[in-house]
């Protein structure tokens, strides 16, 4: 009985240690999503600037 308790306790410690060293997939996905969001925001900002320049050029030509 004591050997079983020691075995289970040892197994629990080993599993706990493995869980600390295992790469966190959710954290990596969050980082990827954040990077992708920043890239899209930069692209949208640049497109809005270009549209504004085109609109100003169009207003000048119409006047």
C-alpha atoms as a PDB file:
ATOM      1  CA  UNK A   1       0.000   0.000   0.000  1.00  0.00           C
ATOM      2  CA  UNK A   2       2.794   2.418   0.876  1.00  0.00           C
ATOM      3  CA  UNK A   3       4.571   1.603  -2.381  1.00  0.00           C
ATOM      4  CA  UNK A   4       1.411   2.485  -4.318  1.00  0.00           C
ATOM      5  CA  UNK A   5       1.104   5.858  -2.579  1.00  0.00           C
ATOM      6  CA  UNK A   6       4.778   6.629  -3.243  1.00  0.00           C
ATOM      7  CA  UNK A   7       4.372   5.574  -6.886  1.00  0.00           C
ATOM      8  CA  UNK A   8       1.286   7.763  -7.364  1.00  0.00           C
ATOM      9  CA  UNK A   9       2.960  10.717  -5.654  1.00  0.00           C
ATOM     10  CA  UNK A  10       6.045  10.314  -7.850  1.00  0.00           C
ATOM     11  CA  UNK A  11       3.878  10.095 -10.957  1.00  0.00           C
ATOM     12  CA  UNK A  12       2.036  13.263  -9.947  1.00  0.00           C
ATOM     13  CA  UNK A  13       5.320  15.141  -9.509  1.00  0.00           C
ATOM     14  CA  UNK A  14       6.585  13.941 -12.907  1.00  0.00           C
ATOM     15  CA  UNK A  15       3.354  14.981 -14.636  1.00  0.00           C
ATOM     16  CA  UNK A  16       3.487  18.375 -12.906  1.00  0.00           C
ATOM     17  CA  UNK A  17       7.057  18.928 -14.089  1.00  0.00           C
ATOM     18  CA  UNK A  18       6.125  17.953 -17.656  1.00  0.00           C
ATOM     19  CA  UNK A  19       3.231  20.414 -17.632  1.00  0.00           C
ATOM     20  CA  UNK A  20       5.615  23.288 -16.785  1.00  0.00           C
ATOM     21  CA  UNK A  21       8.004  22.468 -19.616  1.00  0.00           C
ATOM     22  CA  UNK A  22       5.338  21.757 -22.219  1.00  0.00           C
ATOM     23  CA  UNK A  23       4.889  24.582 -24.714  1.00  0.00           C
ATOM     24  CA  UNK A  24       1.683  26.500 -24.152  1.00  0.00           C
ATOM     25  CA  UNK A  25      -0.216  26.338 -27.440  1.00  0.00           C
ATOM     26  CA  UNK A  26      -2.869  28.832 -26.379  1.00  0.00           C
ATOM     27  CA  UNK A  27      -0.279  31.466 -25.502  1.00  0.00           C
ATOM     28  CA  UNK A  28       1.325  31.027 -28.931  1.00  0.00           C
ATOM     29  CA  UNK A  29      -2.053  31.332 -30.637  1.00  0.00           C
ATOM     30  CA  UNK A  30      -2.758  34.521 -28.695  1.00  0.00           C
ATOM     31  CA  UNK A  31       0.592  35.979 -29.779  1.00  0.00           C
ATOM     32  CA  UNK A  32      -0.063  35.053 -33.406  1.00  0.00           C
ATOM     33  CA  UNK A  33      -3.531  36.582 -33.271  1.00  0.00           C
ATOM     34  CA  UNK A  34      -2.183  39.770 -31.712  1.00  0.00           C
ATOM     35  CA  UNK A  35       0.512  40.070 -34.384  1.00  0.00           C
ATOM     36  CA  UNK A  36      -2.014  39.453 -37.155  1.00  0.00           C
ATOM     37  CA  UNK A  37      -4.370  42.059 -35.693  1.00  0.00           C
ATOM     38  CA  UNK A  38      -1.596  44.649 -35.547  1.00  0.00           C
ATOM     39  CA  UNK A  39      -0.662  43.911 -39.154  1.00  0.00           C
ATOM     40  CA  UNK A  40      -4.273  44.319 -40.294  1.00  0.00           C
ATOM     41  CA  UNK A  41      -4.643  47.558 -38.338  1.00  0.00           C
ATOM     42  CA  UNK A  42      -1.508  48.957 -40.002  1.00  0.00           C
ATOM     43  CA  UNK A  43      -2.786  47.918 -43.429  1.00  0.00           C
ATOM     44  CA  UNK A  44      -6.172  49.543 -42.797  1.00  0.00           C
ATOM     45  CA  UNK A  45      -4.502  52.756 -41.606  1.00  0.00           C
ATOM     46  CA  UNK A  46      -2.353  52.926 -44.738  1.00  0.00           C
ATOM     47  CA  UNK A  47      -5.368  52.266 -46.972  1.00  0.00           C
ATOM     48  CA  UNK A  48      -7.362  55.011 -45.245  1.00  0.00           C
ATOM     49  CA  UNK A  49      -4.491  57.447 -45.783  1.00  0.00           C
ATOM     50  CA  UNK A  50      -4.354  56.553 -49.488  1.00  0.00           C
ATOM     51  CA  UNK A  51      -8.127  56.912 -49.871  1.00  0.00           C
ATOM     52  CA  UNK A  52      -7.993  60.325 -48.171  1.00  0.00           C
ATOM     53  CA  UNK A  53      -5.246  61.467 -50.571  1.00  0.00           C
ATOM     54  CA  UNK A  54      -7.261  60.220 -53.557  1.00  0.00           C
ATOM     55  CA  UNK A  55     -10.420  61.952 -52.302  1.00  0.00           C
ATOM     56  CA  UNK A  56      -8.528  65.228 -51.852  1.00  0.00           C
ATOM     57  CA  UNK A  57      -7.127  64.906 -55.380  1.00  0.00           C
ATOM     58  CA  UNK A  58     -10.610  64.237 -56.740  1.00  0.00           C
ATOM     59  CA  UNK A  59     -12.059  67.287 -54.928  1.00  0.00           C
ATOM     60  CA  UNK A  60      -9.281  69.497 -56.354  1.00  0.00           C
ATOM     61  CA  UNK A  61      -9.939  68.218 -59.913  1.00  0.00           C
ATOM     62  CA  UNK A  62     -13.712  68.743 -59.638  1.00  0.00           C
ATOM     63  CA  UNK A  63     -13.315  72.315 -58.383  1.00  0.00           C
END
